[in-house]
Amino acid sequence: MRATASMIVRATTTLLVAALAAVLSAGCVSIPPGQPVAVEFVDASHPTRCAEEDNVDVPLNGDRIASFRIVAEHPPYIASVVEERSAPDFTDCDMSNDPVFKFTPRTVVLHDEPRLRIVGHTFPTFWRPEVVDVRIGERSEPGLHLIQVIRPGVTRDVEILVLYPSDGYWRTKPLPPAHLPDTAYGSSFLVGPVEQRGRPMVALQRVDIDPSTLTFRLAFADGRRGVLAIAAVDSARIALDVTIDPPLPAGRPFAGLRSMFVREDQADVAVARHPANGTPALRAPILGFGRFTATDARFGRERPSEHNLGAPDMVFRDFRR
């Protein structure tokens, strides 16, 4: 029987996923054993009419949380998505008062092999002046504003994770389902000592990337160290294991969710609920839930949105001291 183009694409994608899984299985950080502890999720969000403003702000507070897991999963309606909608919408947006610092733009390929590519970018302008040292092995590339982790594909390349070193923002998403070429990013997250500098951010001093294990070793500006490692990735979810040393004391956020909500059909996140799976003890709109304490929580959408239609739900879980 003659193989069709779609059969070839599916078979090659399967091989690429298996190859990436082999990379990730070697030396990645894993959550240590023990009972997970509850942390506090706080609603610090505000309303907006701008679909490009991160008005959703959910800091995570806990006492000496040393490790946890972040999982991005496709929204429950992903099977009904025919075409992604990810174009920016600057209607009702006024960003004229945002800080602007100028840089010399550049793009550098930090790592390139058939199963993995890592690319860095310096933008012409950015809202933070910090210059973070980004390293792969002995190579140093200070001043990058964006780092892309890319899975090369047969028909197109697919990003699975990005980091903005100058403000500590991350975004991640699973591999696309079989019926879609790709999906959009949506919510961002922060890991490490979260602080307010006009908006929430995490100050990094240095990032060391190990492509063989897809591990990011983080040196925070306050002297703490952290590790973020991709523990698993497939066409359903991507799991990230995070450690922070020394852990932050109670009252200081150790992580945070950043996202956008204008209305339910124009949102990257619309609902907060816990537990993350099963019958929720709490299900509330993302704006106005107040605060709750839980061992895990999901932040996502139950209905399709006009903005970043296929962007994933974000789950925080497995908090341990």
C-alpha atoms as a PDB file:
ATOM      1  CA  MET A   1       0.000   0.000   0.000  1.00  0.00           C
ATOM      2  CA  ARG A   2       1.352   3.431  -1.002  1.00  0.00           C
ATOM      3  CA  ALA A   3       1.915   5.768   1.961  1.00  0.00           C
ATOM      4  CA  THR A   4      -0.010   9.044   1.822  1.00  0.00           C
ATOM      5  CA  ALA A   5       1.516  12.398   2.796  1.00  0.00           C
ATOM      6  CA  SER A   6      -0.528  12.468   6.002  1.00  0.00           C
ATOM      7  CA  MET A   7       0.684   8.974   6.924  1.00  0.00           C
ATOM      8  CA  ILE A   8       4.292  10.080   6.409  1.00  0.00           C
ATOM      9  CA  VAL A   9       3.755  13.205   8.524  1.00  0.00           C
ATOM     10  CA  ARG A  10       2.153  11.203  11.357  1.00  0.00           C
ATOM     11  CA  ALA A  11       4.904   8.592  11.316  1.00  0.00           C
ATOM     12  CA  THR A  12       7.675  11.192  11.267  1.00  0.00           C
ATOM     13  CA  THR A  13       5.996  13.175  14.041  1.00  0.00           C
ATOM     14  CA  THR A  14       5.826  10.022  16.152  1.00  0.00           C
ATOM     15  CA  LEU A  15       9.569   9.498  15.677  1.00  0.00           C
ATOM     16  CA  LEU A  16      10.297  13.118  16.584  1.00  0.00           C
ATOM     17  CA  VAL A  17       8.187  12.909  19.728  1.00  0.00           C
ATOM     18  CA  ALA A  18       9.976   9.695  20.715  1.00  0.00           C
ATOM     19  CA  ALA A  19      13.360  11.300  20.088  1.00  0.00           C
ATOM     20  CA  LEU A  20      12.452  14.346  22.165  1.00  0.00           C
ATOM     21  CA  ALA A  21      11.159  12.082  24.934  1.00  0.00           C
ATOM     22  CA  ALA A  22      14.511  10.303  24.942  1.00  0.00           C
ATOM     23  CA  VAL A  23      16.274  13.642  25.364  1.00  0.00           C
ATOM     24  CA  LEU A  24      14.025  14.596  28.249  1.00  0.00           C
ATOM     25  CA  SER A  25      14.278  11.269  30.060  1.00  0.00           C
ATOM     26  CA  ALA A  26      17.986  11.680  30.697  1.00  0.00           C
ATOM     27  CA  GLY A  27      18.961  13.717  33.718  1.00  0.00           C
ATOM     28  CA  CYS A  28      15.847  15.840  34.133  1.00  0.00           C
ATOM     29  CA  VAL A  29      14.830  17.160  37.514  1.00  0.00           C
ATOM     30  CA  SER A  30      12.050  15.140  39.144  1.00  0.00           C
ATOM     31  CA  ILE A  31       9.772  16.087  42.010  1.00  0.00           C
ATOM     32  CA  PRO A  32      11.018  14.350  45.182  1.00  0.00           C
ATOM     33  CA  PRO A  33       8.781  11.898  47.058  1.00  0.00           C
ATOM     34  CA  GLY A  34       6.572  13.006  49.924  1.00  0.00           C
ATOM     35  CA  GLN A  35       3.127  14.397  50.486  1.00  0.00           C
ATOM     36  CA  PRO A  36       2.311  17.603  48.583  1.00  0.00           C
ATOM     37  CA  VAL A  37       1.455  20.630  50.696  1.00  0.00           C
ATOM     38  CA  ALA A  38      -1.182  23.305  50.153  1.00  0.00           C
ATOM     39  CA  VAL A  39      -0.302  26.806  48.991  1.00  0.00           C
ATOM     40  CA  GLU A  40      -2.317  30.008  48.712  1.00  0.00           C
ATOM     41  CA  PHE A  41      -3.544  31.246  45.312  1.00  0.00           C
ATOM     42  CA  VAL A  42      -4.347  34.962  45.431  1.00  0.00           C
ATOM     43  CA  ASP A  43      -6.541  36.978  43.066  1.00  0.00           C
ATOM     44  CA  ALA A  44      -4.584  40.175  42.408  1.00  0.00           C
ATOM     45  CA  SER A  45      -6.171  40.778  38.994  1.00  0.00           C
ATOM     46  CA  HIS A  46      -8.057  43.784  37.653  1.00  0.00           C
ATOM     47  CA  PRO A  47     -10.503  44.342  34.777  1.00  0.00           C
ATOM     48  CA  THR A  48      -9.319  45.511  31.357  1.00  0.00           C
ATOM     49  CA  ARG A  49     -10.656  46.157  27.866  1.00  0.00           C
ATOM     50  CA  CYS A  50      -7.278  45.485  26.218  1.00  0.00           C
ATOM     51  CA  ALA A  51      -6.738  41.919  25.004  1.00  0.00           C
ATOM     52  CA  GLU A  52      -2.947  42.389  25.030  1.00  0.00           C
ATOM     53  CA  GLU A  53      -2.696  43.449  28.686  1.00  0.00           C
ATOM     54  CA  ASP A  54      -1.775  40.882  31.342  1.00  0.00           C
ATOM     55  CA  ASN A  55      -4.504  41.961  33.743  1.00  0.00           C
ATOM     56  CA  VAL A  56      -4.744  38.499  35.349  1.00  0.00           C
ATOM     57  CA  ASP A  57      -2.294  38.245  38.237  1.00  0.00           C
ATOM     58  CA  VAL A  58      -2.325  35.196  40.528  1.00  0.00           C
ATOM     59  CA  PRO A  59       0.675  35.060  42.896  1.00  0.00           C
ATOM     60  CA  LEU A  60       1.342  31.772  44.722  1.00  0.00           C
ATOM     61  CA  ASN A  61       2.311  32.029  48.398  1.00  0.00           C
ATOM     62  CA  GLY A  62       3.676  29.211  50.528  1.00  0.00           C
ATOM     63  CA  ASP A  63       6.049  28.525  53.374  1.00  0.00           C
ATOM     64  CA  ARG A  64       9.433  27.270  52.118  1.00  0.00           C
ATOM     65  CA  ILE A  65       8.168  25.575  48.939  1.00  0.00           C
ATOM     66  CA  ALA A  66      11.254  23.927  47.474  1.00  0.00           C
ATOM     67  CA  SER A  67       9.744  22.190  44.446  1.00  0.00           C
ATOM     68  CA  PHE A  68       6.576  21.998  42.394  1.00  0.00           C
ATOM     69  CA  ARG A  69       5.247  21.061  38.964  1.00  0.00           C
ATOM     70  CA  ILE A  70       3.594  23.159  36.251  1.00  0.00           C
ATOM     71  CA  VAL A  71       1.571  21.401  33.558  1.00  0.00           C
ATOM     72  CA  ALA A  72       0.114  22.898  30.385  1.00  0.00           C
ATOM     73  CA  GLU A  73      -2.753  20.914  28.857  1.00  0.00           C
ATOM     74  CA  HIS A  74      -4.911  21.559  25.824  1.00  0.00           C
ATOM     75  CA  PRO A  75      -8.281  23.149  26.654  1.00  0.00           C
ATOM     76  CA  PRO A  76     -11.211  20.718  26.911  1.00  0.00           C
ATOM     77  CA  TYR A  77     -12.671  21.884  23.593  1.00  0.00           C
ATOM     78  CA  ILE A  78      -9.450  21.348  21.569  1.00  0.00           C
ATOM     79  CA  ALA A  79     -11.000  18.585  19.426  1.00  0.00           C
ATOM     80  CA  SER A  80     -13.505  21.109  18.030  1.00  0.00           C
ATOM     81  CA  VAL A  81     -10.826  23.631  17.013  1.00  0.00           C
ATOM     82  CA  VAL A  82     -10.498  23.732  13.222  1.00  0.00           C
ATOM     83  CA  GLU A  83      -8.116  26.672  12.884  1.00  0.00           C
ATOM     84  CA  GLU A  84      -6.070  28.518  15.483  1.00  0.00           C
ATOM     85  CA  ARG A  85      -6.800  32.192  16.150  1.00  0.00           C
ATOM     86  CA  SER A  86      -3.688  33.855  17.540  1.00  0.00           C
ATOM     87  CA  ALA A  87      -3.485  37.293  15.886  1.00  0.00           C
ATOM     88  CA  PRO A  88      -2.910  40.111  18.413  1.00  0.00           C
ATOM     89  CA  ASP A  89      -5.790  42.459  19.161  1.00  0.00           C
ATOM     90  CA  PHE A  90      -4.748  45.965  20.225  1.00  0.00           C
ATOM     91  CA  THR A  91      -8.297  47.360  20.235  1.00  0.00           C
ATOM     92  CA  ASP A  92      -8.823  49.500  23.360  1.00  0.00           C
ATOM     93  CA  CYS A  93      -5.104  49.270  24.202  1.00  0.00           C
ATOM     94  CA  ASP A  94      -2.926  52.213  25.210  1.00  0.00           C
ATOM     95  CA  MET A  95       0.677  51.231  25.923  1.00  0.00           C
ATOM     96  CA  SER A  96       2.167  54.684  25.388  1.00  0.00           C
ATOM     97  CA  ASN A  97       3.234  54.945  29.034  1.00  0.00           C
ATOM     98  CA  ASP A  98       5.115  51.621  29.107  1.00  0.00           C
ATOM     99  CA  PRO A  99       8.844  51.928  29.907  1.00  0.00           C
ATOM    100  CA  VAL A 100      11.058  51.644  26.810  1.00  0.00           C
ATOM    101  CA  PHE A 101      14.762  50.798  26.769  1.00  0.00           C
ATOM    102  CA  LYS A 102      16.653  50.526  23.473  1.00  0.00           C
ATOM    103  CA  PHE A 103      18.926  47.698  22.368  1.00  0.00           C
ATOM    104  CA  THR A 104      20.724  46.524  19.258  1.00  0.00           C
ATOM    105  CA  PRO A 105      18.512  43.804  17.776  1.00  0.00           C
ATOM    106  CA  ARG A 106      19.972  40.402  16.930  1.00  0.00           C
ATOM    107  CA  THR A 107      19.043  36.754  16.537  1.00  0.00           C
ATOM    108  CA  VAL A 108      21.368  33.900  17.501  1.00  0.00           C
ATOM    109  CA  VAL A 109      21.000  30.140  17.130  1.00  0.00           C
ATOM    110  CA  LEU A 110      22.113  28.729  20.476  1.00  0.00           C
ATOM    111  CA  HIS A 111      21.608  25.046  19.637  1.00  0.00           C
ATOM    112  CA  ASP A 112      20.630  23.266  16.435  1.00  0.00           C
ATOM    113  CA  GLU A 113      20.136  19.584  15.786  1.00  0.00           C
ATOM    114  CA  PRO A 114      17.456  17.591  13.951  1.00  0.00           C
ATOM    115  CA  ARG A 115      15.350  17.057  17.073  1.00  0.00           C
ATOM    116  CA  LEU A 116      15.847  20.341  18.913  1.00  0.00           C
ATOM    117  CA  ARG A 117      16.577  23.982  18.162  1.00  0.00           C
ATOM    118  CA  ILE A 118      17.100  26.807  20.642  1.00  0.00           C
ATOM    119  CA  VAL A 119      17.081  30.379  19.338  1.00  0.00           C
ATOM    120  CA  GLY A 120      17.680  33.659  21.148  1.00  0.00           C
ATOM    121  CA  HIS A 121      16.545  37.181  20.244  1.00  0.00           C
ATOM    122  CA  THR A 122      17.376  40.679  21.404  1.00  0.00           C
ATOM    123  CA  PHE A 123      14.570  43.123  20.623  1.00  0.00           C
ATOM    124  CA  PRO A 124      15.049  46.744  19.508  1.00  0.00           C
ATOM    125  CA  THR A 125      13.200  47.823  22.672  1.00  0.00           C
ATOM    126  CA  PHE A 126      12.124  46.170  25.923  1.00  0.00           C
ATOM    127  CA  TRP A 127      10.387  47.319  29.097  1.00  0.00           C
ATOM    128  CA  ARG A 128      13.263  46.264  31.369  1.00  0.00           C
ATOM    129  CA  PRO A 129      16.910  47.472  31.175  1.00  0.00           C
ATOM    130  CA  GLU A 130      18.442  44.333  32.733  1.00  0.00           C
ATOM    131  CA  VAL A 131      21.018  42.357  30.760  1.00  0.00           C
ATOM    132  CA  VAL A 132      20.920  38.675  31.760  1.00  0.00           C
ATOM    133  CA  ASP A 133      23.794  36.321  30.948  1.00  0.00           C
ATOM    134  CA  VAL A 134      22.495  33.327  28.961  1.00  0.00           C
ATOM    135  CA  ARG A 135      24.872  30.388  28.598  1.00  0.00           C
ATOM    136  CA  ILE A 136      24.985  27.058  26.809  1.00  0.00           C
ATOM    137  CA  GLY A 137      28.162  25.235  27.785  1.00  0.00           C
ATOM    138  CA  GLU A 138      31.040  27.694  27.494  1.00  0.00           C
ATOM    139  CA  ARG A 139      29.125  29.982  25.178  1.00  0.00           C
ATOM    140  CA  SER A 140      27.814  33.221  26.690  1.00  0.00           C
ATOM    141  CA  GLU A 141      25.105  35.360  25.061  1.00  0.00           C
ATOM    142  CA  PRO A 142      24.178  38.242  27.395  1.00  0.00           C
ATOM    143  CA  GLY A 143      21.246  40.525  26.738  1.00  0.00           C
ATOM    144  CA  LEU A 144      18.752  38.175  25.080  1.00  0.00           C
ATOM    145  CA  HIS A 145      15.105  39.138  25.566  1.00  0.00           C
ATOM    146  CA  LEU A 146      13.562  35.914  24.229  1.00  0.00           C
ATOM    147  CA  ILE A 147      14.697  32.296  24.175  1.00  0.00           C
ATOM    148  CA  GLN A 148      12.693  29.858  22.042  1.00  0.00           C
ATOM    149  CA  VAL A 149      12.756  26.066  22.482  1.00  0.00           C
ATOM    150  CA  ILE A 150      11.674  24.600  19.146  1.00  0.00           C
ATOM    151  CA  ARG A 151      10.879  21.104  17.951  1.00  0.00           C
ATOM    152  CA  PRO A 152      11.743  20.958  14.228  1.00  0.00           C
ATOM    153  CA  GLY A 153       8.985  19.283  12.239  1.00  0.00           C
ATOM    154  CA  VAL A 154       8.363  17.881   8.796  1.00  0.00           C
ATOM    155  CA  THR A 155       5.882  20.528   7.668  1.00  0.00           C
ATOM    156  CA  ARG A 156       6.650  23.252  10.214  1.00  0.00           C
ATOM    157  CA  ASP A 157       8.629  23.911  13.375  1.00  0.00           C
ATOM    158  CA  VAL A 158       6.737  23.947  16.672  1.00  0.00           C
ATOM    159  CA  GLU A 159       7.685  25.970  19.743  1.00  0.00           C
ATOM    160  CA  ILE A 160       7.092  24.270  23.072  1.00  0.00           C
ATOM    161  CA  LEU A 161       8.548  26.809  25.520  1.00  0.00           C
ATOM    162  CA  VAL A 162       9.841  30.366  25.653  1.00  0.00           C
ATOM    163  CA  LEU A 163      11.632  32.379  28.327  1.00  0.00           C
ATOM    164  CA  TYR A 164      12.016  36.148  28.568  1.00  0.00           C
ATOM    165  CA  PRO A 165      15.186  36.419  30.705  1.00  0.00           C
ATOM    166  CA  SER A 166      14.958  40.146  31.414  1.00  0.00           C
ATOM    167  CA  ASP A 167      11.677  39.880  33.336  1.00  0.00           C
ATOM    168  CA  GLY A 168      11.497  36.151  34.133  1.00  0.00           C
ATOM    169  CA  TYR A 169       8.333  35.376  32.154  1.00  0.00           C
ATOM    170  CA  TRP A 170       7.800  31.872  30.718  1.00  0.00           C
ATOM    171  CA  ARG A 171       5.204  30.441  28.334  1.00  0.00           C
ATOM    172  CA  THR A 172       4.746  26.801  27.377  1.00  0.00           C
ATOM    173  CA  LYS A 173       2.389  24.561  25.421  1.00  0.00           C
ATOM    174  CA  PRO A 174       2.071  20.897  24.463  1.00  0.00           C
ATOM    175  CA  LEU A 175       2.758  19.560  21.019  1.00  0.00           C
ATOM    176  CA  PRO A 176      -0.277  20.165  18.796  1.00  0.00           C
ATOM    177  CA  PRO A 177      -2.982  17.508  18.475  1.00  0.00           C
ATOM    178  CA  ALA A 178      -2.960  15.452  15.275  1.00  0.00           C
ATOM    179  CA  HIS A 179      -5.618  17.544  13.523  1.00  0.00           C
ATOM    180  CA  LEU A 180      -3.839  20.903  14.011  1.00  0.00           C
ATOM    181  CA  PRO A 181      -0.451  22.086  12.713  1.00  0.00           C
ATOM    182  CA  ASP A 182       0.141  24.146  15.878  1.00  0.00           C
ATOM    183  CA  THR A 183      -1.565  25.877  18.788  1.00  0.00           C
ATOM    184  CA  ALA A 184      -1.067  29.281  20.387  1.00  0.00           C
ATOM    185  CA  TYR A 185       0.606  30.346  23.579  1.00  0.00           C
ATOM    186  CA  GLY A 186      -1.668  31.890  26.173  1.00  0.00           C
ATOM    187  CA  SER A 187      -0.972  32.424  29.863  1.00  0.00           C
ATOM    188  CA  SER A 188       2.522  33.173  31.155  1.00  0.00           C
ATOM    189  CA  PHE A 189       4.015  32.110  34.464  1.00  0.00           C
ATOM    190  CA  LEU A 190       6.756  33.219  36.819  1.00  0.00           C
ATOM    191  CA  VAL A 191       8.992  31.043  38.999  1.00  0.00           C
ATOM    192  CA  GLY A 192      11.301  32.232  41.753  1.00  0.00           C
ATOM    193  CA  PRO A 193      11.191  35.375  43.932  1.00  0.00           C
ATOM    194  CA  VAL A 194       8.334  37.391  42.382  1.00  0.00           C
ATOM    195  CA  GLU A 195       8.534  41.130  42.929  1.00  0.00           C
ATOM    196  CA  GLN A 196       6.669  44.230  41.764  1.00  0.00           C
ATOM    197  CA  ARG A 197       8.482  46.650  39.462  1.00  0.00           C
ATOM    198  CA  GLY A 198       5.525  48.323  37.820  1.00  0.00           C
ATOM    199  CA  ARG A 199       4.226  44.826  37.115  1.00  0.00           C
ATOM    200  CA  PRO A 200       5.143  41.410  38.563  1.00  0.00           C
ATOM    201  CA  MET A 201       8.502  40.045  37.447  1.00  0.00           C
ATOM    202  CA  VAL A 202      11.376  37.813  38.526  1.00  0.00           C
ATOM    203  CA  ALA A 203      14.879  39.278  38.380  1.00  0.00           C
ATOM    204  CA  LEU A 204      17.392  36.846  36.871  1.00  0.00           C
ATOM    205  CA  GLN A 205      21.143  37.235  36.815  1.00  0.00           C
ATOM    206  CA  ARG A 206      22.117  34.207  34.716  1.00  0.00           C
ATOM    207  CA  VAL A 207      20.489  31.316  32.847  1.00  0.00           C
ATOM    208  CA  ASP A 208      22.406  28.131  31.978  1.00  0.00           C
ATOM    209  CA  ILE A 209      20.726  25.875  29.415  1.00  0.00           C
ATOM    210  CA  ASP A 210      21.541  22.170  29.043  1.00  0.00           C
ATOM    211  CA  PRO A 211      20.113  21.033  25.670  1.00  0.00           C
ATOM    212  CA  SER A 212      20.788  17.360  26.406  1.00  0.00           C
ATOM    213  CA  THR A 213      18.204  17.372  29.208  1.00  0.00           C
ATOM    214  CA  LEU A 214      16.297  20.577  28.385  1.00  0.00           C
ATOM    215  CA  THR A 215      17.151  21.940  31.796  1.00  0.00           C
ATOM    216  CA  PHE A 216      17.357  25.632  32.684  1.00  0.00           C
ATOM    217  CA  ARG A 217      19.534  26.449  35.699  1.00  0.00           C
ATOM    218  CA  LEU A 218      18.602  29.837  37.076  1.00  0.00           C
ATOM    219  CA  ALA A 219      20.622  32.296  39.123  1.00  0.00           C
ATOM    220  CA  PHE A 220      18.205  34.822  40.618  1.00  0.00           C
ATOM    221  CA  ALA A 221      19.334  38.359  41.369  1.00  0.00           C
ATOM    222  CA  ASP A 222      18.702  37.886  45.102  1.00  0.00           C
ATOM    223  CA  GLY A 223      21.250  35.043  45.294  1.00  0.00           C
ATOM    224  CA  ARG A 224      18.826  32.118  45.157  1.00  0.00           C
ATOM    225  CA  ARG A 225      19.173  29.320  42.631  1.00  0.00           C
ATOM    226  CA  GLY A 226      16.522  27.489  40.699  1.00  0.00           C
ATOM    227  CA  VAL A 227      16.050  24.760  38.130  1.00  0.00           C
ATOM    228  CA  LEU A 228      13.286  24.386  35.553  1.00  0.00           C
ATOM    229  CA  ALA A 229      13.307  21.140  33.564  1.00  0.00           C
ATOM    230  CA  ILE A 230      10.926  19.783  30.971  1.00  0.00           C
ATOM    231  CA  ALA A 231       9.932  16.457  32.521  1.00  0.00           C
ATOM    232  CA  ALA A 232       7.551  15.236  29.794  1.00  0.00           C
ATOM    233  CA  VAL A 233       5.993  16.485  26.575  1.00  0.00           C
ATOM    234  CA  ASP A 234       3.535  15.010  24.098  1.00  0.00           C
ATOM    235  CA  SER A 235       0.454  16.015  22.125  1.00  0.00           C
ATOM    236  CA  ALA A 236      -1.683  16.197  25.287  1.00  0.00           C
ATOM    237  CA  ARG A 237       0.472  18.074  27.812  1.00  0.00           C
ATOM    238  CA  ILE A 238       3.867  19.379  28.796  1.00  0.00           C
ATOM    239  CA  ALA A 239       5.120  19.030  32.392  1.00  0.00           C
ATOM    240  CA  LEU A 240       7.774  21.245  33.957  1.00  0.00           C
ATOM    241  CA  ASP A 241       9.529  20.476  37.240  1.00  0.00           C
ATOM    242  CA  VAL A 242      10.762  23.459  39.247  1.00  0.00           C
ATOM    243  CA  THR A 243      13.060  23.698  42.276  1.00  0.00           C
ATOM    244  CA  ILE A 244      14.075  26.796  44.256  1.00  0.00           C
ATOM    245  CA  ASP A 245      17.005  26.899  46.687  1.00  0.00           C
ATOM    246  CA  PRO A 246      16.771  28.225  49.298  1.00  0.00           C
ATOM    247  CA  PRO A 247      12.962  28.288  49.352  1.00  0.00           C
ATOM    248  CA  LEU A 248      11.200  31.558  49.953  1.00  0.00           C
ATOM    249  CA  PRO A 249       9.653  32.249  53.364  1.00  0.00           C
ATOM    250  CA  ALA A 250       5.909  32.565  53.905  1.00  0.00           C
ATOM    251  CA  GLY A 251       4.466  35.791  52.560  1.00  0.00           C
ATOM    252  CA  ARG A 252       6.773  36.068  49.550  1.00  0.00           C
ATOM    253  CA  PRO A 253       5.363  34.721  46.262  1.00  0.00           C
ATOM    254  CA  PHE A 254       7.472  31.885  44.830  1.00  0.00           C
ATOM    255  CA  ALA A 255       5.542  31.677  41.531  1.00  0.00           C
ATOM    256  CA  GLY A 256       2.735  33.366  39.671  1.00  0.00           C
ATOM    257  CA  LEU A 257       0.293  33.127  36.804  1.00  0.00           C
ATOM    258  CA  ARG A 258      -0.019  36.042  34.390  1.00  0.00           C
ATOM    259  CA  SER A 259      -2.730  36.119  31.753  1.00  0.00           C
ATOM    260  CA  MET A 260      -5.541  38.068  30.094  1.00  0.00           C
ATOM    261  CA  PHE A 261      -9.301  38.247  30.578  1.00  0.00           C
ATOM    262  CA  VAL A 262     -11.608  40.795  28.941  1.00  0.00           C
ATOM    263  CA  ARG A 263     -14.714  38.621  28.817  1.00  0.00           C
ATOM    264  CA  GLU A 264     -15.319  34.882  28.551  1.00  0.00           C
ATOM    265  CA  ASP A 265     -15.088  34.816  24.755  1.00  0.00           C
ATOM    266  CA  GLN A 266     -12.002  37.068  24.763  1.00  0.00           C
ATOM    267  CA  ALA A 267      -9.666  35.546  27.292  1.00  0.00           C
ATOM    268  CA  ASP A 268      -6.577  33.391  27.679  1.00  0.00           C
ATOM    269  CA  VAL A 269      -7.927  32.210  31.039  1.00  0.00           C
ATOM    270  CA  ALA A 270     -11.477  32.463  32.352  1.00  0.00           C
ATOM    271  CA  VAL A 271     -11.928  30.011  35.234  1.00  0.00           C
ATOM    272  CA  ALA A 272     -10.033  29.065  38.399  1.00  0.00           C
ATOM    273  CA  ARG A 273     -10.786  25.708  39.986  1.00  0.00           C
ATOM    274  CA  HIS A 274      -9.391  23.177  42.409  1.00  0.00           C
ATOM    275  CA  PRO A 275      -8.690  20.387  42.620  1.00  0.00           C
ATOM    276  CA  ALA A 276      -7.276  20.542  39.104  1.00  0.00           C
ATOM    277  CA  ASN A 277      -8.935  17.260  38.081  1.00  0.00           C
ATOM    278  CA  GLY A 278     -12.138  15.589  39.189  1.00  0.00           C
ATOM    279  CA  THR A 279     -15.114  17.243  40.824  1.00  0.00           C
ATOM    280  CA  PRO A 280     -13.981  20.761  41.764  1.00  0.00           C
ATOM    281  CA  ALA A 281     -14.405  21.989  45.290  1.00  0.00           C
ATOM    282  CA  LEU A 282     -14.173  25.478  43.864  1.00  0.00           C
ATOM    283  CA  ARG A 283     -15.004  26.806  40.430  1.00  0.00           C
ATOM    284  CA  ALA A 284     -14.969  30.560  40.043  1.00  0.00           C
ATOM    285  CA  PRO A 285     -14.459  33.257  37.408  1.00  0.00           C
ATOM    286  CA  ILE A 286     -10.818  34.252  37.151  1.00  0.00           C
ATOM    287  CA  LEU A 287     -11.649  37.815  38.209  1.00  0.00           C
ATOM    288  CA  GLY A 288     -12.921  38.021  41.758  1.00  0.00           C
ATOM    289  CA  PHE A 289     -12.257  34.559  43.204  1.00  0.00           C
ATOM    290  CA  GLY A 290     -10.491  36.181  46.152  1.00  0.00           C
ATOM    291  CA  ARG A 291      -8.048  33.593  47.416  1.00  0.00           C
ATOM    292  CA  PHE A 292      -8.002  29.895  48.181  1.00  0.00           C
ATOM    293  CA  THR A 293      -5.615  27.340  49.643  1.00  0.00           C
ATOM    294  CA  ALA A 294      -5.109  24.070  47.764  1.00  0.00           C
ATOM    295  CA  THR A 295      -2.564  21.402  46.843  1.00  0.00           C
ATOM    296  CA  ASP A 296      -3.307  21.923  43.138  1.00  0.00           C
ATOM    297  CA  ALA A 297      -5.314  24.211  40.884  1.00  0.00           C
ATOM    298  CA  ARG A 298      -6.203  24.660  37.226  1.00  0.00           C
ATOM    299  CA  PHE A 299      -6.540  27.955  35.404  1.00  0.00           C
ATOM    300  CA  GLY A 300      -8.137  27.692  31.985  1.00  0.00           C
ATOM    301  CA  ARG A 301     -11.182  27.990  29.777  1.00  0.00           C
ATOM    302  CA  GLU A 302     -14.291  25.893  29.334  1.00  0.00           C
ATOM    303  CA  ARG A 303     -15.590  27.650  26.214  1.00  0.00           C
ATOM    304  CA  PRO A 304     -13.767  28.729  23.041  1.00  0.00           C
ATOM    305  CA  SER A 305     -12.277  32.205  22.957  1.00  0.00           C
ATOM    306  CA  GLU A 306     -11.713  34.588  20.062  1.00  0.00           C
ATOM    307  CA  HIS A 307      -8.212  35.158  21.443  1.00  0.00           C
ATOM    308  CA  ASN A 308      -5.534  32.420  21.321  1.00  0.00           C
ATOM    309  CA  LEU A 309      -8.217  29.797  20.761  1.00  0.00           C
ATOM    310  CA  GLY A 310      -6.070  26.695  21.357  1.00  0.00           C
ATOM    311  CA  ALA A 311      -3.891  28.085  24.167  1.00  0.00           C
ATOM    312  CA  PRO A 312      -3.480  25.612  27.037  1.00  0.00           C
ATOM    313  CA  ASP A 313      -4.911  25.415  30.536  1.00  0.00           C
ATOM    314  CA  MET A 314      -2.276  25.827  33.242  1.00  0.00           C
ATOM    315  CA  VAL A 315      -2.081  23.480  36.248  1.00  0.00           C
ATOM    316  CA  PHE A 316       0.049  24.072  39.374  1.00  0.00           C
ATOM    317  CA  ARG A 317       0.574  21.060  41.623  1.00  0.00           C
ATOM    318  CA  ASP A 318       2.946  18.823  43.636  1.00  0.00           C
ATOM    319  CA  PHE A 319       4.142  21.526  46.021  1.00  0.00           C
ATOM    320  CA  ARG A 320       6.756  20.191  48.449  1.00  0.00           C
ATOM    321  CA  ARG A 321       9.045  21.612  51.087  1.00  0.00           C
END
